[in-house]
Amino acid sequence: MADGPAFDARNHKYIIEEHPLQKSCQKFGIEMIDLLSRGTRRLRTRTMELEVSVLASECDFIISLPVLKSHGICGMTGALKNVLGFLSPDEKRHLHYGGDVHRIIVELNEVIVPDMHIMDAVYTMVNTNEVRHGGKPRELGYMLAGTDPVSLDVRGLELLGEVEPKLKGKHIDDILHLRHAVQMTGWDGGYEVIKW
């Protein structure tokens, strides 16, 4: 189990130690680590080279656990954006202050491909993605899972539109990384909803 705290998070060690999944890790005897604790390497995407956690290529199976939220820069954060956790703090900083974060999200998903995504949409954040930046918690009541991050994010956008005024009525084309993903992957516009 690993997490890649935000580049501007003050204390990565504290974030890992106090992570909401830490109790589950302890229950099952699993170590919770910082994604960057094992080092980084350069990884080539379609148009750039990025510094990423070595775990991106050393793991046999990756289950991504994104939390569906509003995001000040990207509009929303979900399955596609979650792979940015593999980036070094310098790469994350560059993306948030001048890089083409939307294109990088999609290109990174082409080379770091989680085998499964389980997206927490039970509680979400509106206004922005973190309380420290003005985010406000809202209950949605959903868990989403699948192997296709584009489908999960399309459905996530629909759900966020129910509680986030900035996203009400928004379409795929309004979220740039989602638009890029649809164009680059040839997503056909379909997904299946199974209710338990």
N, C-alpha and C. Protein backbone atom coordinates (compact mmCIF):
# COMPACT_ATOMS: atom_id res chain seq x y z
N MET A 1 0.86 -1.16 0.00
CA MET A 1 0.00 0.00 0.00
C MET A 1 0.91 1.22 0.00
N ALA A 2 0.61 2.17 -0.86
CA ALA A 2 1.46 3.35 -0.97
C ALA A 2 0.61 4.56 -1.34
N ASP A 3 1.16 5.74 -1.02
CA ASP A 3 0.51 6.99 -1.38
C ASP A 3 1.59 7.95 -1.84
N GLY A 4 1.21 8.86 -2.72
CA GLY A 4 2.12 9.90 -3.19
C GLY A 4 1.56 11.25 -2.79
N PRO A 5 1.90 11.73 -1.57
CA PRO A 5 1.34 13.00 -1.10
C PRO A 5 1.60 14.16 -2.06
N ALA A 6 0.76 15.18 -1.95
CA ALA A 6 0.87 16.38 -2.79
C ALA A 6 2.26 17.00 -2.65
N PHE A 7 2.73 17.65 -3.71
CA PHE A 7 4.07 18.24 -3.69
C PHE A 7 4.22 19.31 -2.62
N ASP A 8 3.12 19.98 -2.26
CA ASP A 8 3.20 21.05 -1.27
C ASP A 8 2.78 20.60 0.13
N ALA A 9 2.62 19.28 0.29
CA ALA A 9 2.31 18.75 1.62
C ALA A 9 3.55 18.90 2.49
N ARG A 10 3.36 19.38 3.69
CA ARG A 10 4.51 19.72 4.54
C ARG A 10 5.27 18.50 5.05
N ASN A 11 4.58 17.46 5.48
CA ASN A 11 5.25 16.36 6.13
C ASN A 11 4.74 15.03 5.56
N HIS A 12 5.46 14.50 4.58
CA HIS A 12 5.04 13.25 3.94
C HIS A 12 4.97 12.10 4.94
N LYS A 13 5.93 12.05 5.86
CA LYS A 13 5.96 10.97 6.85
C LYS A 13 4.69 10.99 7.69
N TYR A 14 4.28 12.15 8.16
CA TYR A 14 3.07 12.29 8.96
C TYR A 14 1.84 11.87 8.15
N ILE A 15 1.79 12.30 6.89
CA ILE A 15 0.65 11.97 6.02
C ILE A 15 0.51 10.45 5.88
N ILE A 16 1.63 9.76 5.68
CA ILE A 16 1.60 8.30 5.56
C ILE A 16 1.18 7.67 6.89
N GLU A 17 1.75 8.14 7.98
CA GLU A 17 1.43 7.57 9.30
C GLU A 17 -0.03 7.77 9.69
N GLU A 18 -0.62 8.89 9.26
CA GLU A 18 -2.01 9.22 9.63
C GLU A 18 -3.00 8.95 8.49
N HIS A 19 -2.57 8.27 7.46
CA HIS A 19 -3.41 7.99 6.29
C HIS A 19 -4.66 7.21 6.71
N PRO A 20 -5.82 7.53 6.10
CA PRO A 20 -7.07 6.82 6.44
C PRO A 20 -6.99 5.30 6.24
N LEU A 21 -6.13 4.83 5.34
CA LEU A 21 -6.02 3.39 5.11
C LEU A 21 -5.02 2.71 6.04
N GLN A 22 -4.38 3.48 6.91
CA GLN A 22 -3.38 2.92 7.81
C GLN A 22 -3.97 1.84 8.72
N LYS A 23 -5.21 2.02 9.20
CA LYS A 23 -5.83 1.01 10.07
C LYS A 23 -6.00 -0.32 9.33
N SER A 24 -6.42 -0.25 8.07
CA SER A 24 -6.58 -1.47 7.30
C SER A 24 -5.23 -2.14 7.07
N CYS A 25 -4.21 -1.35 6.80
CA CYS A 25 -2.87 -1.90 6.61
C CYS A 25 -2.40 -2.63 7.86
N GLN A 26 -2.60 -2.00 9.01
CA GLN A 26 -2.18 -2.63 10.26
C GLN A 26 -2.96 -3.91 10.53
N LYS A 27 -4.25 -3.89 10.23
CA LYS A 27 -5.09 -5.07 10.45
C LYS A 27 -4.59 -6.27 9.65
N PHE A 28 -4.12 -6.00 8.43
CA PHE A 28 -3.68 -7.10 7.57
C PHE A 28 -2.16 -7.25 7.50
N GLY A 29 -1.45 -6.49 8.34
CA GLY A 29 0.01 -6.62 8.40
C GLY A 29 0.71 -6.13 7.14
N ILE A 30 0.15 -5.08 6.52
CA ILE A 30 0.72 -4.52 5.29
C ILE A 30 1.37 -3.19 5.62
N GLU A 31 2.55 -2.95 5.08
CA GLU A 31 3.23 -1.68 5.30
C GLU A 31 2.66 -0.60 4.38
N MET A 32 2.41 0.56 4.94
CA MET A 32 1.97 1.74 4.16
C MET A 32 3.21 2.59 3.92
N ILE A 33 3.53 2.86 2.65
CA ILE A 33 4.75 3.60 2.34
C ILE A 33 4.47 4.80 1.45
N ASP A 34 5.42 5.71 1.42
CA ASP A 34 5.42 6.82 0.47
C ASP A 34 5.84 6.24 -0.88
N LEU A 35 5.11 6.53 -1.94
CA LEU A 35 5.45 6.01 -3.27
C LEU A 35 6.89 6.31 -3.69
N LEU A 36 7.46 7.38 -3.16
CA LEU A 36 8.81 7.76 -3.58
C LEU A 36 9.90 7.22 -2.67
N SER A 37 9.52 6.46 -1.64
CA SER A 37 10.50 5.97 -0.67
C SER A 37 11.48 4.96 -1.25
N ARG A 38 11.15 4.34 -2.35
CA ARG A 38 12.03 3.34 -2.97
C ARG A 38 12.86 3.93 -4.10
N GLY A 39 12.74 5.25 -4.31
CA GLY A 39 13.52 5.92 -5.34
C GLY A 39 12.71 6.24 -6.58
N THR A 40 13.35 6.94 -7.51
CA THR A 40 12.69 7.35 -8.76
C THR A 40 13.54 6.96 -9.96
N ARG A 41 12.93 7.04 -11.11
CA ARG A 41 13.64 6.83 -12.38
C ARG A 41 12.96 7.69 -13.44
N ARG A 42 13.62 7.87 -14.56
CA ARG A 42 13.06 8.63 -15.67
C ARG A 42 12.19 7.70 -16.52
N LEU A 43 11.01 8.19 -16.89
CA LEU A 43 10.07 7.41 -17.68
C LEU A 43 9.65 8.24 -18.89
N ARG A 44 9.69 7.65 -20.06
CA ARG A 44 9.35 8.35 -21.30
C ARG A 44 7.87 8.17 -21.63
N THR A 45 7.17 9.28 -21.90
CA THR A 45 5.80 9.22 -22.40
C THR A 45 5.87 9.60 -23.89
N ARG A 46 4.72 9.84 -24.51
CA ARG A 46 4.70 10.22 -25.93
C ARG A 46 5.57 11.44 -26.22
N THR A 47 5.49 12.45 -25.35
CA THR A 47 6.14 13.72 -25.69
C THR A 47 7.15 14.22 -24.67
N MET A 48 7.34 13.50 -23.56
CA MET A 48 8.26 14.00 -22.54
C MET A 48 8.85 12.87 -21.71
N GLU A 49 9.82 13.25 -20.90
CA GLU A 49 10.42 12.33 -19.96
C GLU A 49 10.12 12.85 -18.56
N LEU A 50 9.64 11.97 -17.67
CA LEU A 50 9.21 12.38 -16.34
C LEU A 50 9.90 11.55 -15.27
N GLU A 51 10.12 12.15 -14.10
CA GLU A 51 10.69 11.43 -12.97
C GLU A 51 9.55 10.81 -12.17
N VAL A 52 9.57 9.47 -12.09
CA VAL A 52 8.48 8.74 -11.42
C VAL A 52 9.03 7.74 -10.42
N SER A 53 8.17 7.29 -9.53
CA SER A 53 8.52 6.26 -8.56
C SER A 53 8.92 4.98 -9.29
N VAL A 54 9.96 4.31 -8.79
CA VAL A 54 10.36 3.03 -9.39
C VAL A 54 9.26 1.99 -9.22
N LEU A 55 8.38 2.18 -8.23
CA LEU A 55 7.30 1.22 -8.01
C LEU A 55 6.35 1.14 -9.20
N ALA A 56 6.31 2.18 -10.02
CA ALA A 56 5.43 2.18 -11.20
C ALA A 56 5.77 1.04 -12.14
N SER A 57 7.05 0.63 -12.17
CA SER A 57 7.45 -0.44 -13.08
C SER A 57 7.84 -1.73 -12.35
N GLU A 58 7.95 -1.68 -11.03
CA GLU A 58 8.40 -2.86 -10.29
C GLU A 58 7.26 -3.70 -9.72
N CYS A 59 6.06 -3.15 -9.71
CA CYS A 59 4.92 -3.89 -9.16
C CYS A 59 4.32 -4.81 -10.21
N ASP A 60 3.91 -6.00 -9.78
CA ASP A 60 3.27 -6.96 -10.69
C ASP A 60 1.83 -6.59 -10.99
N PHE A 61 1.18 -5.93 -10.05
CA PHE A 61 -0.24 -5.62 -10.17
C PHE A 61 -0.49 -4.31 -9.42
N ILE A 62 -1.15 -3.36 -10.05
CA ILE A 62 -1.42 -2.08 -9.41
C ILE A 62 -2.93 -1.88 -9.31
N ILE A 63 -3.39 -1.65 -8.08
CA ILE A 63 -4.78 -1.27 -7.85
C ILE A 63 -4.75 0.18 -7.42
N SER A 64 -5.34 1.03 -8.23
CA SER A 64 -5.39 2.47 -7.95
C SER A 64 -6.63 2.76 -7.12
N LEU A 65 -6.46 3.58 -6.07
CA LEU A 65 -7.57 3.90 -5.16
C LEU A 65 -7.83 5.41 -5.15
N PRO A 66 -8.32 5.96 -6.25
CA PRO A 66 -8.59 7.41 -6.27
C PRO A 66 -9.82 7.78 -5.46
N VAL A 67 -9.84 9.04 -5.03
CA VAL A 67 -11.02 9.62 -4.40
C VAL A 67 -11.57 10.63 -5.40
N LEU A 68 -12.83 10.51 -5.73
CA LEU A 68 -13.47 11.43 -6.67
C LEU A 68 -13.67 12.78 -6.00
N LYS A 69 -13.11 13.84 -6.60
CA LYS A 69 -13.21 15.18 -6.01
C LYS A 69 -13.18 16.25 -7.10
N SER A 70 -13.64 17.40 -6.72
CA SER A 70 -13.46 18.60 -7.53
C SER A 70 -11.99 18.99 -7.46
N HIS A 71 -11.50 19.72 -8.46
CA HIS A 71 -10.09 20.13 -8.44
C HIS A 71 -9.98 21.52 -9.05
N GLY A 72 -9.24 22.40 -8.37
CA GLY A 72 -9.13 23.79 -8.80
C GLY A 72 -8.50 23.97 -10.17
N ILE A 73 -7.52 23.16 -10.51
CA ILE A 73 -6.81 23.30 -11.79
C ILE A 73 -7.40 22.39 -12.86
N CYS A 74 -7.68 21.14 -12.49
CA CYS A 74 -8.11 20.14 -13.48
C CYS A 74 -9.63 20.01 -13.61
N GLY A 75 -10.38 20.69 -12.77
CA GLY A 75 -11.84 20.55 -12.80
C GLY A 75 -12.30 19.42 -11.91
N MET A 76 -11.69 18.25 -12.08
CA MET A 76 -12.01 17.09 -11.25
C MET A 76 -10.77 16.21 -11.13
N THR A 77 -10.77 15.41 -10.10
CA THR A 77 -9.72 14.41 -9.95
C THR A 77 -10.40 13.07 -9.72
N GLY A 78 -9.91 12.07 -10.39
CA GLY A 78 -10.49 10.73 -10.30
C GLY A 78 -9.46 9.69 -10.69
N ALA A 79 -9.88 8.72 -11.47
CA ALA A 79 -9.02 7.60 -11.85
C ALA A 79 -7.84 8.05 -12.71
N LEU A 80 -8.08 8.86 -13.73
CA LEU A 80 -6.99 9.29 -14.61
C LEU A 80 -5.94 10.10 -13.86
N LYS A 81 -6.36 11.08 -13.10
CA LYS A 81 -5.42 11.97 -12.43
C LYS A 81 -4.65 11.27 -11.31
N ASN A 82 -5.20 10.19 -10.78
CA ASN A 82 -4.57 9.52 -9.64
C ASN A 82 -3.15 9.04 -9.93
N VAL A 83 -2.83 8.74 -11.19
CA VAL A 83 -1.46 8.27 -11.49
C VAL A 83 -0.41 9.35 -11.27
N LEU A 84 -0.82 10.61 -11.13
CA LEU A 84 0.15 11.66 -10.84
C LEU A 84 0.83 11.43 -9.49
N GLY A 85 0.24 10.60 -8.65
CA GLY A 85 0.87 10.26 -7.37
C GLY A 85 2.22 9.60 -7.55
N PHE A 86 2.48 9.00 -8.70
CA PHE A 86 3.77 8.36 -8.98
C PHE A 86 4.87 9.37 -9.29
N LEU A 87 4.50 10.62 -9.59
CA LEU A 87 5.49 11.63 -9.97
C LEU A 87 6.27 12.14 -8.78
N SER A 88 7.51 12.56 -9.03
CA SER A 88 8.32 13.19 -8.00
C SER A 88 7.70 14.55 -7.63
N PRO A 89 8.01 15.07 -6.43
CA PRO A 89 7.48 16.39 -6.04
C PRO A 89 7.85 17.50 -7.04
N ASP A 90 9.06 17.46 -7.60
CA ASP A 90 9.46 18.47 -8.59
C ASP A 90 8.60 18.41 -9.84
N GLU A 91 8.30 17.19 -10.30
CA GLU A 91 7.44 17.04 -11.48
C GLU A 91 6.03 17.55 -11.18
N LYS A 92 5.50 17.22 -9.99
CA LYS A 92 4.15 17.69 -9.62
C LYS A 92 4.12 19.22 -9.53
N ARG A 93 5.14 19.80 -8.95
CA ARG A 93 5.21 21.26 -8.83
C ARG A 93 5.21 21.90 -10.22
N HIS A 94 6.02 21.38 -11.12
CA HIS A 94 6.09 21.92 -12.48
C HIS A 94 4.73 21.83 -13.17
N LEU A 95 4.05 20.71 -13.00
CA LEU A 95 2.74 20.52 -13.64
C LEU A 95 1.72 21.54 -13.15
N HIS A 96 1.72 21.79 -11.84
CA HIS A 96 0.74 22.70 -11.28
C HIS A 96 1.06 24.16 -11.55
N TYR A 97 2.30 24.44 -11.93
CA TYR A 97 2.69 25.83 -12.18
C TYR A 97 3.29 25.98 -13.58
N GLY A 98 2.55 25.62 -14.59
CA GLY A 98 2.99 25.92 -15.94
C GLY A 98 3.07 24.76 -16.90
N GLY A 99 3.06 23.52 -16.40
CA GLY A 99 3.11 22.39 -17.32
C GLY A 99 1.73 22.09 -17.87
N ASP A 100 1.67 21.32 -18.93
CA ASP A 100 0.38 20.93 -19.50
C ASP A 100 -0.13 19.71 -18.74
N VAL A 101 -0.67 19.97 -17.55
CA VAL A 101 -1.09 18.90 -16.66
C VAL A 101 -2.10 17.97 -17.33
N HIS A 102 -2.95 18.49 -18.15
CA HIS A 102 -4.00 17.68 -18.78
C HIS A 102 -3.41 16.65 -19.74
N ARG A 103 -2.48 17.08 -20.58
CA ARG A 103 -1.84 16.15 -21.51
C ARG A 103 -0.97 15.14 -20.76
N ILE A 104 -0.28 15.60 -19.72
CA ILE A 104 0.59 14.70 -18.96
C ILE A 104 -0.23 13.63 -18.24
N ILE A 105 -1.39 14.00 -17.71
CA ILE A 105 -2.26 13.00 -17.07
C ILE A 105 -2.53 11.86 -18.04
N VAL A 106 -2.90 12.20 -19.26
CA VAL A 106 -3.27 11.17 -20.24
C VAL A 106 -2.04 10.38 -20.69
N GLU A 107 -0.95 11.07 -20.98
CA GLU A 107 0.26 10.37 -21.43
C GLU A 107 0.80 9.45 -20.35
N LEU A 108 0.73 9.87 -19.10
CA LEU A 108 1.21 9.04 -18.01
C LEU A 108 0.35 7.79 -17.87
N ASN A 109 -0.96 7.91 -18.13
CA ASN A 109 -1.85 6.75 -18.08
C ASN A 109 -1.55 5.74 -19.18
N GLU A 110 -0.86 6.17 -20.23
CA GLU A 110 -0.48 5.23 -21.29
C GLU A 110 0.72 4.36 -20.88
N VAL A 111 1.56 4.86 -19.96
CA VAL A 111 2.76 4.12 -19.58
C VAL A 111 2.70 3.56 -18.16
N ILE A 112 1.86 4.13 -17.31
CA ILE A 112 1.57 3.55 -15.99
C ILE A 112 0.10 3.16 -16.05
N VAL A 113 -0.14 1.87 -16.16
CA VAL A 113 -1.50 1.39 -16.40
C VAL A 113 -1.95 0.52 -15.22
N PRO A 114 -2.66 1.11 -14.26
CA PRO A 114 -3.18 0.29 -13.17
C PRO A 114 -4.07 -0.83 -13.71
N ASP A 115 -4.02 -1.98 -13.04
CA ASP A 115 -4.82 -3.13 -13.46
C ASP A 115 -6.28 -2.99 -13.03
N MET A 116 -6.51 -2.19 -12.00
CA MET A 116 -7.86 -2.00 -11.47
C MET A 116 -7.92 -0.64 -10.79
N HIS A 117 -9.08 -0.01 -10.88
CA HIS A 117 -9.33 1.26 -10.19
C HIS A 117 -10.55 1.06 -9.31
N ILE A 118 -10.42 1.44 -8.04
CA ILE A 118 -11.55 1.43 -7.13
C ILE A 118 -11.68 2.86 -6.61
N MET A 119 -12.69 3.56 -7.11
CA MET A 119 -12.81 4.99 -6.83
C MET A 119 -13.83 5.25 -5.72
N ASP A 120 -13.36 5.91 -4.68
CA ASP A 120 -14.18 6.27 -3.55
C ASP A 120 -14.96 7.55 -3.86
N ALA A 121 -16.28 7.39 -3.97
CA ALA A 121 -17.15 8.54 -4.17
C ALA A 121 -18.23 8.54 -3.09
N VAL A 122 -17.91 7.90 -1.95
CA VAL A 122 -18.85 7.90 -0.83
C VAL A 122 -18.96 9.32 -0.29
N TYR A 123 -17.80 9.90 0.00
CA TYR A 123 -17.71 11.32 0.35
C TYR A 123 -16.78 11.96 -0.66
N THR A 124 -17.11 13.15 -1.08
CA THR A 124 -16.30 13.86 -2.05
C THR A 124 -15.93 15.23 -1.49
N MET A 125 -15.20 15.97 -2.27
CA MET A 125 -14.80 17.32 -1.89
C MET A 125 -15.25 18.25 -3.01
N VAL A 126 -15.96 19.32 -2.68
CA VAL A 126 -16.37 20.32 -3.66
C VAL A 126 -15.60 21.61 -3.41
N ASN A 127 -15.62 22.48 -4.37
CA ASN A 127 -14.90 23.74 -4.39
C ASN A 127 -13.45 23.53 -4.81
N THR A 128 -12.76 22.61 -4.17
CA THR A 128 -11.42 22.20 -4.57
C THR A 128 -11.14 20.86 -3.90
N ASN A 129 -9.96 20.30 -4.13
CA ASN A 129 -9.70 18.92 -3.73
C ASN A 129 -9.21 18.70 -2.30
N GLU A 130 -8.90 19.77 -1.56
CA GLU A 130 -8.41 19.58 -0.20
C GLU A 130 -9.01 20.62 0.74
N VAL A 131 -9.27 20.22 1.99
CA VAL A 131 -9.81 21.12 2.99
C VAL A 131 -8.88 22.31 3.19
N ARG A 132 -7.57 22.06 3.19
CA ARG A 132 -6.60 23.14 3.44
C ARG A 132 -6.64 24.21 2.36
N HIS A 133 -7.22 23.90 1.19
CA HIS A 133 -7.34 24.88 0.11
C HIS A 133 -8.78 25.38 -0.07
N GLY A 134 -9.65 25.05 0.88
CA GLY A 134 -11.03 25.53 0.81
C GLY A 134 -12.04 24.49 0.38
N GLY A 135 -11.63 23.23 0.27
CA GLY A 135 -12.56 22.17 -0.11
C GLY A 135 -13.60 21.91 0.97
N LYS A 136 -14.79 21.56 0.52
CA LYS A 136 -15.90 21.29 1.43
C LYS A 136 -16.40 19.86 1.19
N PRO A 137 -16.46 19.04 2.25
CA PRO A 137 -16.93 17.66 2.08
C PRO A 137 -18.42 17.58 1.74
N ARG A 138 -18.76 16.64 0.87
CA ARG A 138 -20.15 16.36 0.51
C ARG A 138 -20.32 14.85 0.40
N GLU A 139 -21.49 14.37 0.78
CA GLU A 139 -21.77 12.95 0.66
C GLU A 139 -22.34 12.66 -0.73
N LEU A 140 -21.77 11.65 -1.38
CA LEU A 140 -22.30 11.18 -2.67
C LEU A 140 -22.89 9.78 -2.52
N GLY A 141 -22.18 8.91 -1.80
CA GLY A 141 -22.72 7.58 -1.53
C GLY A 141 -22.41 6.51 -2.56
N TYR A 142 -21.33 6.66 -3.32
CA TYR A 142 -21.00 5.68 -4.36
C TYR A 142 -19.59 5.15 -4.21
N MET A 143 -19.39 3.93 -4.67
CA MET A 143 -18.07 3.36 -4.92
C MET A 143 -18.10 2.94 -6.38
N LEU A 144 -17.05 3.27 -7.12
CA LEU A 144 -16.96 2.91 -8.53
C LEU A 144 -15.73 2.04 -8.74
N ALA A 145 -15.83 1.05 -9.59
CA ALA A 145 -14.68 0.18 -9.84
C ALA A 145 -14.67 -0.24 -11.30
N GLY A 146 -13.48 -0.48 -11.81
CA GLY A 146 -13.35 -0.94 -13.17
C GLY A 146 -11.91 -0.91 -13.63
N THR A 147 -11.72 -1.30 -14.87
CA THR A 147 -10.38 -1.32 -15.46
C THR A 147 -10.16 -0.16 -16.42
N ASP A 148 -11.21 0.57 -16.75
CA ASP A 148 -11.12 1.67 -17.70
C ASP A 148 -11.25 3.02 -16.97
N PRO A 149 -10.13 3.74 -16.79
CA PRO A 149 -10.20 5.00 -16.05
C PRO A 149 -11.02 6.08 -16.75
N VAL A 150 -11.11 6.03 -18.07
CA VAL A 150 -11.90 7.03 -18.80
C VAL A 150 -13.39 6.85 -18.45
N SER A 151 -13.87 5.63 -18.51
CA SER A 151 -15.28 5.37 -18.17
C SER A 151 -15.58 5.77 -16.73
N LEU A 152 -14.66 5.45 -15.82
CA LEU A 152 -14.87 5.81 -14.41
C LEU A 152 -14.94 7.32 -14.24
N ASP A 153 -14.07 8.05 -14.92
CA ASP A 153 -14.07 9.50 -14.78
C ASP A 153 -15.28 10.15 -15.46
N VAL A 154 -15.75 9.58 -16.55
CA VAL A 154 -16.96 10.10 -17.19
C VAL A 154 -18.14 9.96 -16.23
N ARG A 155 -18.28 8.78 -15.64
CA ARG A 155 -19.35 8.57 -14.66
C ARG A 155 -19.13 9.46 -13.44
N GLY A 156 -17.87 9.58 -13.00
CA GLY A 156 -17.55 10.44 -11.87
C GLY A 156 -17.93 11.89 -12.11
N LEU A 157 -17.70 12.38 -13.33
CA LEU A 157 -18.09 13.75 -13.67
C LEU A 157 -19.59 13.94 -13.55
N GLU A 158 -20.36 12.95 -14.00
CA GLU A 158 -21.82 13.01 -13.87
C GLU A 158 -22.22 13.10 -12.40
N LEU A 159 -21.59 12.28 -11.56
CA LEU A 159 -21.92 12.28 -10.13
C LEU A 159 -21.51 13.59 -9.46
N LEU A 160 -20.32 14.08 -9.77
CA LEU A 160 -19.87 15.34 -9.18
C LEU A 160 -20.79 16.50 -9.54
N GLY A 161 -21.34 16.45 -10.75
CA GLY A 161 -22.26 17.50 -11.18
C GLY A 161 -23.50 17.61 -10.31
N GLU A 162 -23.80 16.52 -9.55
CA GLU A 162 -24.95 16.54 -8.65
C GLU A 162 -24.69 17.36 -7.38
N VAL A 163 -23.41 17.52 -7.00
CA VAL A 163 -23.11 18.20 -5.74
C VAL A 163 -22.16 19.38 -5.89
N GLU A 164 -21.51 19.52 -7.04
CA GLU A 164 -20.54 20.60 -7.27
C GLU A 164 -21.11 21.56 -8.29
N PRO A 165 -21.54 22.75 -7.86
CA PRO A 165 -22.15 23.71 -8.79
C PRO A 165 -21.27 24.01 -10.01
N LYS A 166 -19.95 24.08 -9.84
CA LYS A 166 -19.06 24.38 -10.97
C LYS A 166 -19.09 23.29 -12.03
N LEU A 167 -19.50 22.07 -11.66
CA LEU A 167 -19.49 20.96 -12.61
C LEU A 167 -20.89 20.55 -13.08
N LYS A 168 -21.90 21.20 -12.58
CA LYS A 168 -23.27 20.88 -12.99
C LYS A 168 -23.43 21.12 -14.48
N GLY A 169 -23.87 20.10 -15.19
CA GLY A 169 -24.08 20.21 -16.63
C GLY A 169 -22.81 20.16 -17.48
N LYS A 170 -21.66 19.92 -16.85
CA LYS A 170 -20.40 19.86 -17.62
C LYS A 170 -20.34 18.55 -18.40
N HIS A 171 -19.64 18.62 -19.49
CA HIS A 171 -19.49 17.50 -20.42
C HIS A 171 -18.02 17.11 -20.49
N ILE A 172 -17.75 15.99 -21.09
CA ILE A 172 -16.38 15.50 -21.27
C ILE A 172 -15.47 16.60 -21.82
N ASP A 173 -15.94 17.34 -22.79
CA ASP A 173 -15.11 18.37 -23.42
C ASP A 173 -14.74 19.51 -22.48
N ASP A 174 -15.47 19.65 -21.37
CA ASP A 174 -15.19 20.72 -20.41
C ASP A 174 -14.05 20.39 -19.45
N ILE A 175 -13.67 19.12 -19.38
CA ILE A 175 -12.57 18.67 -18.53
C ILE A 175 -11.45 18.26 -19.48
N LEU A 176 -10.43 19.11 -19.58
CA LEU A 176 -9.43 18.94 -20.64
C LEU A 176 -8.74 17.58 -20.63
N HIS A 177 -8.36 17.06 -19.45
CA HIS A 177 -7.68 15.76 -19.48
C HIS A 177 -8.63 14.65 -19.90
N LEU A 178 -9.91 14.80 -19.60
CA LEU A 178 -10.89 13.81 -20.05
C LEU A 178 -11.08 13.89 -21.57
N ARG A 179 -11.12 15.11 -22.09
CA ARG A 179 -11.22 15.28 -23.55
C ARG A 179 -10.00 14.68 -24.24
N HIS A 180 -8.79 14.98 -23.72
CA HIS A 180 -7.56 14.40 -24.30
C HIS A 180 -7.61 12.87 -24.25
N ALA A 181 -8.07 12.32 -23.12
CA ALA A 181 -8.12 10.86 -22.97
C ALA A 181 -9.05 10.23 -23.98
N VAL A 182 -10.21 10.84 -24.18
CA VAL A 182 -11.17 10.32 -25.17
C VAL A 182 -10.55 10.35 -26.57
N GLN A 183 -9.89 11.46 -26.91
CA GLN A 183 -9.26 11.58 -28.23
C GLN A 183 -8.12 10.59 -28.41
N MET A 184 -7.28 10.44 -27.38
CA MET A 184 -6.10 9.59 -27.51
C MET A 184 -6.42 8.10 -27.43
N THR A 185 -7.49 7.74 -26.72
CA THR A 185 -7.80 6.32 -26.55
C THR A 185 -8.88 5.84 -27.51
N GLY A 186 -9.61 6.78 -28.11
CA GLY A 186 -10.71 6.39 -28.98
C GLY A 186 -11.89 5.83 -28.18
N TRP A 187 -12.03 6.28 -26.93
CA TRP A 187 -13.12 5.81 -26.06
C TRP A 187 -14.44 5.94 -26.80
N ASP A 188 -15.27 4.90 -26.73
CA ASP A 188 -16.50 4.86 -27.53
C ASP A 188 -17.73 5.43 -26.85
N GLY A 189 -17.59 5.95 -25.66
CA GLY A 189 -18.73 6.57 -24.99
C GLY A 189 -19.59 5.62 -24.18
N GLY A 190 -19.14 4.40 -24.02
CA GLY A 190 -19.95 3.45 -23.26
C GLY A 190 -19.32 3.01 -21.96
N TYR A 191 -20.17 2.75 -21.00
CA TYR A 191 -19.76 2.10 -19.76
C TYR A 191 -20.99 1.43 -19.18
N GLU A 192 -20.74 0.46 -18.33
CA GLU A 192 -21.84 -0.29 -17.74
C GLU A 192 -21.93 0.04 -16.25
N VAL A 193 -23.11 0.32 -15.78
CA VAL A 193 -23.34 0.57 -14.37
C VAL A 193 -24.01 -0.66 -13.77
N ILE A 194 -23.36 -1.21 -12.75
CA ILE A 194 -23.92 -2.36 -12.03
C ILE A 194 -24.15 -1.91 -10.59
N LYS A 195 -25.38 -2.03 -10.11
CA LYS A 195 -25.69 -1.63 -8.74
C LYS A 195 -25.77 -2.87 -7.88
N TRP A 196 -25.22 -2.73 -6.65
CA TRP A 196 -25.32 -3.84 -5.69
C TRP A 196 -26.47 -3.61 -4.78
